[in-house]
Protein backbone atom coordinates (compact mmCIF):
# COMPACT_ATOMS: atom_id res chain seq x y z
CA MET A 1 101.52 78.66 123.89
CA SER A 2 103.22 80.44 121.02
CA THR A 3 105.04 78.32 118.46
CA GLU A 4 107.89 80.83 118.06
CA PRO A 5 110.08 79.38 120.86
CA LEU A 6 109.55 75.91 119.42
CA LEU A 7 110.51 77.13 115.97
CA ARG A 8 113.67 78.78 117.29
CA ALA A 9 114.68 75.58 119.03
CA LEU A 10 114.10 73.49 115.91
CA LEU A 11 115.96 75.96 113.71
CA ALA A 12 118.94 75.92 116.05
CA GLY A 13 118.97 72.14 115.90
CA ILE A 14 118.71 72.14 112.11
CA GLU A 15 121.65 74.54 111.87
CA ARG A 16 123.79 72.15 113.89
CA GLU A 17 122.79 69.23 111.66
CA LEU A 18 123.36 70.93 108.31
CA PRO A 19 126.98 69.88 107.68
CA GLU A 20 126.03 66.20 107.98
CA ALA A 21 122.83 66.77 106.00
CA VAL A 22 124.73 68.37 103.12
CA SER A 23 127.16 65.45 103.11
CA LEU A 24 124.19 63.07 102.95
CA ARG A 25 122.71 65.10 100.10
CA HIS A 26 125.92 64.64 98.11
CA ARG A 27 125.89 60.87 98.65
CA LEU A 28 122.25 60.59 97.68
CA HIS A 29 122.79 62.68 94.58
CA THR A 30 125.76 60.61 93.47
CA HIS A 31 123.81 57.35 93.68
CA PRO A 32 120.22 58.00 92.55
CA GLU A 33 117.79 55.15 92.01
CA LEU A 34 114.61 54.79 89.98
CA ALA A 35 111.13 54.33 91.41
CA HIS A 36 110.55 51.05 93.30
CA ARG A 37 114.30 50.34 93.26
CA GLU A 38 115.40 52.76 95.99
CA GLY A 39 116.88 50.17 98.36
CA ARG A 40 120.32 51.78 98.61
CA THR A 41 118.80 55.25 98.98
CA ALA A 42 116.44 54.13 101.76
CA ALA A 43 119.27 52.40 103.60
CA ALA A 44 121.46 55.50 103.40
CA VAL A 45 118.67 57.64 104.85
CA ALA A 46 117.81 55.12 107.57
CA GLN A 47 121.44 55.02 108.69
CA GLU A 48 121.37 58.77 109.38
CA LEU A 49 118.06 58.85 111.26
CA PRO A 50 118.20 59.24 115.04
CA VAL A 51 115.66 56.44 115.60
CA ALA A 52 114.91 53.09 113.99
CA SER A 53 112.76 53.22 110.87
CA THR A 54 110.08 50.86 109.55
CA THR A 55 109.98 49.62 105.97
CA VAL A 56 106.74 50.42 104.13
CA ALA A 57 105.44 50.23 100.56
CA GLY A 58 108.37 48.17 99.35
CA THR A 59 111.37 50.47 99.68
CA GLY A 60 109.81 53.26 101.74
CA ARG A 61 110.77 54.10 105.32
CA ILE A 62 108.91 55.82 108.16
CA ALA A 63 110.35 56.88 111.49
CA ARG A 64 108.58 58.40 114.49
CA VAL A 65 110.55 60.98 116.48
CA GLY A 66 109.52 62.46 119.82
CA PRO A 67 106.70 61.41 122.15
CA ALA A 68 105.92 57.69 121.84
CA GLN A 69 102.26 58.27 122.60
CA GLY A 70 99.76 60.79 121.34
CA PRO A 71 99.30 62.53 118.02
CA THR A 72 101.85 62.83 115.25
CA ILE A 73 102.46 65.13 112.30
CA ALA A 74 103.97 63.47 109.21
CA VAL A 75 106.56 65.19 107.01
CA ARG A 76 107.20 63.61 103.62
CA ALA A 77 110.23 63.41 101.33
CA GLU A 78 110.68 61.35 98.15
CA LEU A 79 113.27 58.63 97.53
CA ASP A 80 113.35 58.20 93.75
CA GLY A 81 115.32 59.78 90.94
CA LEU A 82 114.49 60.20 87.25
CA PRO A 83 115.67 58.40 84.08
CA VAL A 84 117.81 61.42 83.12
CA ARG A 85 121.55 61.51 82.32
CA GLU A 86 123.07 64.29 84.43
CA ARG A 87 124.87 67.18 82.72
CA THR A 88 125.97 69.24 85.73
CA ASP A 89 129.58 69.90 86.67
CA ALA A 90 129.10 68.99 90.33
CA SER A 91 131.85 66.96 91.96
CA PHE A 92 129.12 64.71 93.36
CA SER A 93 127.15 64.29 90.11
CA ALA A 94 125.63 60.96 89.10
CA ALA A 95 127.47 58.96 86.46
CA GLY A 96 124.72 56.83 84.91
CA GLU A 97 121.28 57.18 83.35
CA VAL A 98 119.51 58.17 86.57
CA MET A 99 119.54 61.59 88.22
CA HIS A 100 117.97 63.49 91.10
CA ALA A 101 116.64 66.12 88.71
CA CYS A 102 113.66 67.13 90.87
CA GLY A 103 115.35 67.94 94.17
CA HIS A 104 114.45 64.74 96.01
CA ASP A 105 118.01 64.45 97.32
CA VAL A 106 117.59 67.89 98.90
CA HIS A 107 114.19 67.01 100.39
CA MET A 108 115.52 63.80 101.96
CA ALA A 109 118.61 65.42 103.45
CA ALA A 110 116.49 68.28 104.83
CA LEU A 111 114.04 65.87 106.47
CA VAL A 112 116.89 63.93 108.08
CA ALA A 113 118.22 67.23 109.51
CA LEU A 114 114.75 68.11 110.83
CA ALA A 115 114.26 64.63 112.32
CA ARG A 116 117.61 64.83 114.12
CA ALA A 117 116.84 68.32 115.40
CA ALA A 118 113.41 67.18 116.59
CA HIS A 119 114.93 64.16 118.31
CA GLY A 120 117.12 66.52 120.30
CA LEU A 121 113.99 68.15 121.74
CA GLY A 122 112.44 64.82 122.71
CA GLU A 123 109.35 65.19 124.93
CA GLN A 124 109.42 68.95 124.44
CA LEU A 125 108.00 68.50 120.95
CA PRO A 126 104.39 69.64 120.54
CA ALA A 127 103.55 66.34 118.80
CA ALA A 128 105.54 63.45 117.47
CA LEU A 129 107.14 63.98 114.07
CA THR A 130 106.81 61.07 111.65
CA ALA A 131 109.32 61.25 108.80
CA ILE A 132 107.98 59.59 105.64
CA PHE A 133 110.55 58.68 103.00
CA GLN A 134 108.21 57.74 100.19
CA PRO A 135 109.10 55.56 97.21
CA SER A 136 107.99 56.12 93.62
CA GLU A 137 106.84 59.71 93.37
CA GLU A 138 107.98 59.91 89.75
CA ALA A 139 106.35 56.73 88.41
CA TYR A 140 103.35 54.48 88.78
CA PRO A 141 102.36 52.61 90.85
CA SER A 142 102.48 55.63 93.14
CA GLY A 143 104.18 55.22 96.49
CA ALA A 144 101.97 57.85 98.10
CA GLU A 145 98.82 56.16 96.82
CA GLN A 146 99.98 52.86 98.28
CA LEU A 147 100.76 54.45 101.64
CA ALA A 148 97.44 56.31 101.68
CA ARG A 149 95.58 53.11 100.80
CA GLU A 150 97.40 50.80 103.22
CA GLY A 151 98.02 53.36 105.95
CA LEU A 152 101.20 53.90 107.93
CA GLY A 153 100.92 50.88 110.18
CA ALA A 154 100.07 51.90 113.73
CA ILE A 155 100.65 55.58 112.90
CA THR A 156 97.69 57.78 111.98
CA PRO A 157 98.99 61.30 111.32
CA SER A 158 96.90 64.30 112.24
CA ALA A 159 98.30 66.03 109.15
CA VAL A 160 100.87 65.40 106.42
CA VAL A 161 103.10 68.22 105.11
CA ALA A 162 105.92 68.57 102.61
CA ALA A 163 108.25 71.11 101.01
CA HIS A 164 109.50 71.02 97.40
CA ILE A 165 112.19 73.11 95.74
CA HIS A 166 111.13 75.23 92.76
CA PRO A 167 113.59 76.95 90.39
CA GLU A 168 111.08 79.55 89.15
CA LEU A 169 110.47 81.16 92.55
CA PRO A 170 112.88 83.72 94.05
CA TRP A 171 115.49 82.55 96.53
CA GLY A 172 114.43 83.32 100.09
CA THR A 173 110.73 83.01 99.28
CA VAL A 174 108.19 80.25 99.78
CA ALA A 175 104.96 79.72 97.86
CA LEU A 176 102.34 78.56 100.32
CA ASP A 177 98.73 79.01 99.27
CA PRO A 178 95.40 77.48 100.31
CA GLY A 179 93.25 75.29 98.09
CA ALA A 180 94.26 73.62 94.84
CA ILE A 181 97.91 74.33 94.07
CA ASN A 182 98.57 71.35 91.75
CA ALA A 183 96.32 69.63 89.25
CA SER A 184 94.91 66.14 89.06
CA SER A 185 96.54 63.99 86.40
CA ASP A 186 94.99 61.25 84.27
CA SER A 187 96.53 59.37 81.35
CA VAL A 188 94.54 58.21 78.34
CA GLU A 189 95.39 55.96 75.43
CA ILE A 190 93.40 56.60 72.28
CA THR A 191 93.09 53.85 69.67
CA VAL A 192 91.60 54.35 66.23
CA GLU A 193 90.93 51.31 64.06
CA GLY A 194 90.39 51.77 60.34
CA GLU A 195 90.69 49.71 57.17
CA PRO A 196 94.15 49.28 55.63
CA SER A 197 94.82 49.88 51.98
CA HIS A 198 97.48 50.91 49.48
CA GLY A 199 98.34 54.61 49.72
CA ALA A 200 97.61 55.00 46.01
CA TYR A 201 94.04 53.83 46.52
CA PRO A 202 92.88 55.54 49.73
CA HIS A 203 89.21 55.20 48.72
CA HIS A 204 89.48 51.46 49.35
CA GLY A 205 90.41 51.97 53.01
CA ARG A 206 89.53 54.01 56.06
CA ASP A 207 92.50 56.04 57.28
CA PRO A 208 93.01 55.86 61.10
CA ILE A 209 95.95 58.29 60.97
CA LEU A 210 93.84 61.01 59.37
CA ALA A 211 91.10 60.35 61.92
CA LEU A 212 93.57 60.45 64.81
CA ALA A 213 95.11 63.70 63.54
CA GLN A 214 91.64 65.27 63.49
CA ILE A 215 90.95 63.93 66.97
CA VAL A 216 94.07 65.64 68.31
CA VAL A 217 93.14 68.96 66.73
CA THR A 218 89.53 68.70 67.91
CA LEU A 219 90.53 67.88 71.47
CA HIS A 220 92.65 71.00 71.73
CA ALA A 221 89.97 73.15 70.09
CA GLN A 222 87.18 71.87 72.29
CA LEU A 223 89.20 72.24 75.49
CA ALA A 224 88.72 75.99 75.20
CA ARG A 225 84.97 75.54 74.66
CA ARG A 226 84.10 72.92 77.27
CA ILE A 227 85.89 74.27 80.38
CA ASP A 228 85.53 77.61 82.17
CA PRO A 229 88.53 79.67 80.93
CA LEU A 230 89.14 80.84 84.51
CA SER A 231 89.65 77.26 85.66
CA PRO A 232 93.14 75.75 85.17
CA VAL A 233 93.16 72.70 82.88
CA ALA A 234 95.74 71.23 80.51
CA LEU A 235 95.66 68.58 77.80
CA THR A 236 98.84 67.26 76.25
CA VAL A 237 99.11 64.67 73.49
CA GLY A 238 102.64 63.40 73.89
CA VAL A 239 102.67 60.24 71.78
CA LEU A 240 101.40 59.51 68.25
CA GLU A 241 101.91 56.08 66.69
CA GLY A 242 100.70 54.59 63.43
CA GLY A 243 101.92 52.88 60.33
CA THR A 244 105.20 51.32 59.28
CA THR A 245 105.81 52.78 55.83
CA GLU A 246 104.85 55.87 53.88
CA ASN A 247 102.68 54.31 51.17
CA VAL A 248 100.39 52.09 53.23
CA ILE A 249 97.31 53.21 55.13
CA PRO A 250 97.55 51.18 58.36
CA ALA A 251 94.83 49.34 60.20
CA ARG A 252 95.39 51.15 63.48
CA ALA A 253 96.77 54.35 65.02
CA ARG A 254 97.30 55.28 68.66
CA ALA A 255 97.89 58.34 70.79
CA ARG A 256 98.68 58.87 74.46
CA ALA A 257 97.67 62.00 76.30
CA SER A 258 97.56 63.51 79.79
CA LEU A 259 94.61 65.39 81.28
CA ARG A 260 95.05 67.84 84.15
CA ALA A 261 92.57 69.89 86.15
CA HIS A 262 92.33 71.76 89.44
CA ARG A 263 88.61 71.09 89.97
CA GLN A 264 87.04 67.64 90.19
CA GLU A 265 84.13 68.67 87.96
CA ASP A 266 86.60 69.73 85.26
CA ARG A 267 88.49 66.46 85.64
CA LEU A 268 85.30 64.53 84.95
CA ALA A 269 84.37 66.86 82.09
CA LEU A 270 87.76 66.29 80.43
CA ARG A 271 87.36 62.53 80.63
CA ALA A 272 83.87 62.72 79.10
CA MET A 273 85.06 65.10 76.38
CA VAL A 274 87.81 62.73 75.26
CA GLU A 275 85.41 59.77 75.10
CA GLU A 276 82.87 61.77 73.09
CA ILE A 277 85.30 63.31 70.62
CA VAL A 278 87.28 60.13 69.97
CA GLY A 279 84.13 58.16 69.21
CA ALA A 280 82.45 60.84 67.11
CA VAL A 281 85.45 61.94 65.03
CA ALA A 282 86.57 58.38 64.40
CA ALA A 283 83.08 57.47 63.24
CA ALA A 284 82.99 60.49 60.90
CA HIS A 285 86.08 59.01 59.20
CA GLY A 286 84.54 55.56 58.96
CA CYS A 287 86.75 54.28 61.78
CA ARG A 288 86.23 53.02 65.32
CA GLY A 289 87.67 54.92 68.25
CA SER A 290 88.23 53.78 71.83
CA VAL A 291 89.76 55.28 74.98
CA THR A 292 91.56 53.59 77.87
CA LEU A 293 91.82 55.79 80.96
CA VAL A 294 94.46 55.35 83.67
CA PRO A 295 93.48 57.53 86.65
CA GLY A 296 96.35 59.36 88.33
CA GLU A 297 96.68 61.58 91.37
CA PRO A 298 93.92 63.94 92.51
CA ALA A 299 94.38 67.68 92.68
CA LEU A 300 96.62 68.76 95.55
CA GLU A 301 94.43 70.74 97.97
CA ASN A 302 96.33 72.64 100.65
CA ASP A 303 94.59 72.90 104.01
CA PRO A 304 93.84 76.61 104.56
CA ASP A 305 94.42 76.55 108.34
CA ILE A 306 97.84 74.93 108.09
CA VAL A 307 98.78 77.34 105.33
CA ALA A 308 97.70 80.42 107.28
CA LEU A 309 99.65 79.40 110.38
CA ALA A 310 102.74 78.36 108.43
CA ARG A 311 102.84 81.67 106.58
CA GLU A 312 103.00 83.45 109.95
CA LEU A 313 106.10 81.41 110.84
CA LEU A 314 108.05 82.04 107.64
CA SER A 315 109.70 85.27 108.77
CA GLY A 316 110.93 83.54 111.93
CA ALA A 317 112.56 80.97 109.64
CA GLY A 318 114.33 83.71 107.67
CA LEU A 319 112.00 83.41 104.68
CA ALA A 320 109.25 85.43 103.02
CA ALA A 321 106.00 84.48 101.34
CA ALA A 322 106.16 84.44 97.54
CA GLY A 323 103.33 85.64 95.37
CA GLU A 324 100.48 83.25 94.74
CA TRP A 325 101.79 80.15 92.95
CA ARG A 326 99.60 77.46 91.42
CA SER A 327 100.33 75.18 88.50
CA CYS A 328 99.03 72.28 86.43
CA GLY A 329 101.91 70.18 87.66
CA SER A 330 100.93 67.12 89.66
CA ASP A 331 102.35 65.39 92.71
CA ASP A 332 101.24 62.12 94.26
CA PHE A 333 101.55 63.81 97.67
CA ALA A 334 97.90 64.66 96.98
CA PHE A 335 96.94 61.06 97.80
CA PHE A 336 97.81 61.71 101.45
CA GLY A 337 94.72 63.92 101.56
CA ALA A 338 92.73 60.70 101.98
CA LEU A 339 94.42 60.22 105.38
CA SER A 340 94.37 63.71 106.87
CA PRO A 341 94.74 67.43 106.08
CA ILE A 342 97.76 68.13 103.88
CA ALA A 343 99.90 71.11 102.90
CA MET A 344 102.81 71.51 100.51
CA ALA A 345 105.10 74.52 100.13
CA PHE A 346 107.40 75.42 97.23
CA VAL A 347 110.85 76.71 98.18
CA GLY A 348 112.37 79.19 95.72
CA LEU A 349 115.82 78.75 94.16
CA ASP A 350 116.02 81.55 91.58
CA GLY A 351 118.84 83.90 92.50
CA ALA A 352 120.51 81.61 95.05
CA GLU A 353 124.30 81.87 95.04
CA GLY A 354 125.80 79.40 92.59
CA PHE A 355 122.45 78.30 91.18
CA LYS A 356 122.14 78.05 87.41
CA ALA A 357 118.49 78.55 86.46
CA ARG A 358 117.11 75.33 84.99
CA PRO A 359 113.58 73.86 85.13
CA LEU A 360 112.60 70.81 87.13
CA HIS A 361 113.61 67.50 85.48
CA HIS A 362 116.35 69.22 83.46
CA PRO A 363 119.70 67.37 83.22
CA GLU A 364 121.50 70.53 84.41
CA LEU A 365 119.27 71.27 87.41
CA LEU A 366 121.45 71.42 90.53
CA PRO A 367 119.98 73.06 93.64
CA PRO A 368 122.72 74.63 95.78
CA ASP A 369 123.68 73.02 99.08
CA SER A 370 122.12 76.00 100.85
CA SER A 371 118.72 74.74 99.69
CA VAL A 372 118.98 71.83 102.17
CA GLY A 373 118.73 74.29 105.04
CA ALA A 374 115.98 76.31 103.37
CA VAL A 375 113.84 73.23 102.80
CA ALA A 376 114.43 71.98 106.36
CA ARG A 377 113.35 75.34 107.79
CA VAL A 378 110.15 75.26 105.74
CA GLN A 379 109.48 71.66 106.81
CA ALA A 380 109.87 72.79 110.44
CA ALA A 381 107.42 75.66 109.97
CA LEU A 382 104.88 73.35 108.32
CA TYR A 383 105.26 70.76 111.07
CA LEU A 384 104.58 73.31 113.82
CA ALA A 385 101.73 74.92 111.89
CA ALA A 386 100.10 71.53 111.38
CA ALA A 387 100.49 70.71 115.09
CA GLU A 388 98.78 73.96 116.04
CA SER A 389 96.12 73.75 113.34
CA THR A 390 95.06 70.21 114.25
CA GLY A 391 94.96 70.90 117.98
CA THR A 392 97.92 68.68 118.79
CA LEU A 393 100.16 71.46 120.14
CA ARG A 394 100.99 70.48 123.69
CA ALA A 395 102.36 72.58 126.52
CA THR A 396 106.13 72.17 126.57
CA ALA A 397 109.05 73.17 128.72
CA LEU A 398 110.15 75.71 126.14
CA ALA A 399 109.47 79.33 126.96
């Protein structure tokens, strides 16, 4: 049967739940917690859920709503905040060194509203809805990776979906595109070992700082020559360390960098490029170079069938499709792709009443309360699209 009656029923339930959800959002925002320390946050969410939740991955919670048997669609929200001191003027702002500067408070409150609305439909749901409140999206070890590796206990979702606010997209629109929408992310530490000497006698030493500086320049130059220019990649050297005083050539210098790519072949090519350039350039300076790689999340690949069906439901949820939106940002939600098909949507904030345009992770980013409802409506559309796409849509009493 058509999903439109189901969507209308869920949206009506969400609307009834919004006052409580907004209140929850305020409480969550006022008391943010860092990755792997989200005990208070998880407890606050669990208290508002219509069913008992199960603790997973340390501080995470999962809760199954609807039919006790049969397939389930998982909807994910994130528990953790960021090590950012808030600079908003909200009455419910955080007071310390931690802030929900990426909208996780909105995502959690929206998912609670959706779970409560779904609970009201009970056996009429097309498939069970499993709410995942995931720890540690902002830091390693990744909560999503742990959940994907260990599974969700007795629950095996047919699909996993999520919605994320985005301040660069217009209010009332949703970016929902098939294929790679976020990049993989790897971290590398580069070490160059030279020979120390007095700065006045550089010919007696081998300068690792000069070698490292050339490595940084070469990496950026070669990026444009090793990867197809039509393929999104990004390399950022964010840390340079070396030396303790201005007139001594040190024995060692270090750099830390991130590598991002949409395609797996480009991810592997970036890793190989860094190894090659570090070794060769260091050797040309009479130094020794080494690379330590810390693999991060894979590229986030949206399932095309879920995306196509969800886009058809957006207008019924009072939203419109945004233009194509892909970025070299990364999200550990991508790890859930090892369990089942996945899809993530980005919910626009730009132009919303009362919203001051600020980028993600900015100390002044404050999504309006109206974004709780917008995110919940998108979560509902994704849930129903995933149920239909994966063949779990059951006949219901709704007509």
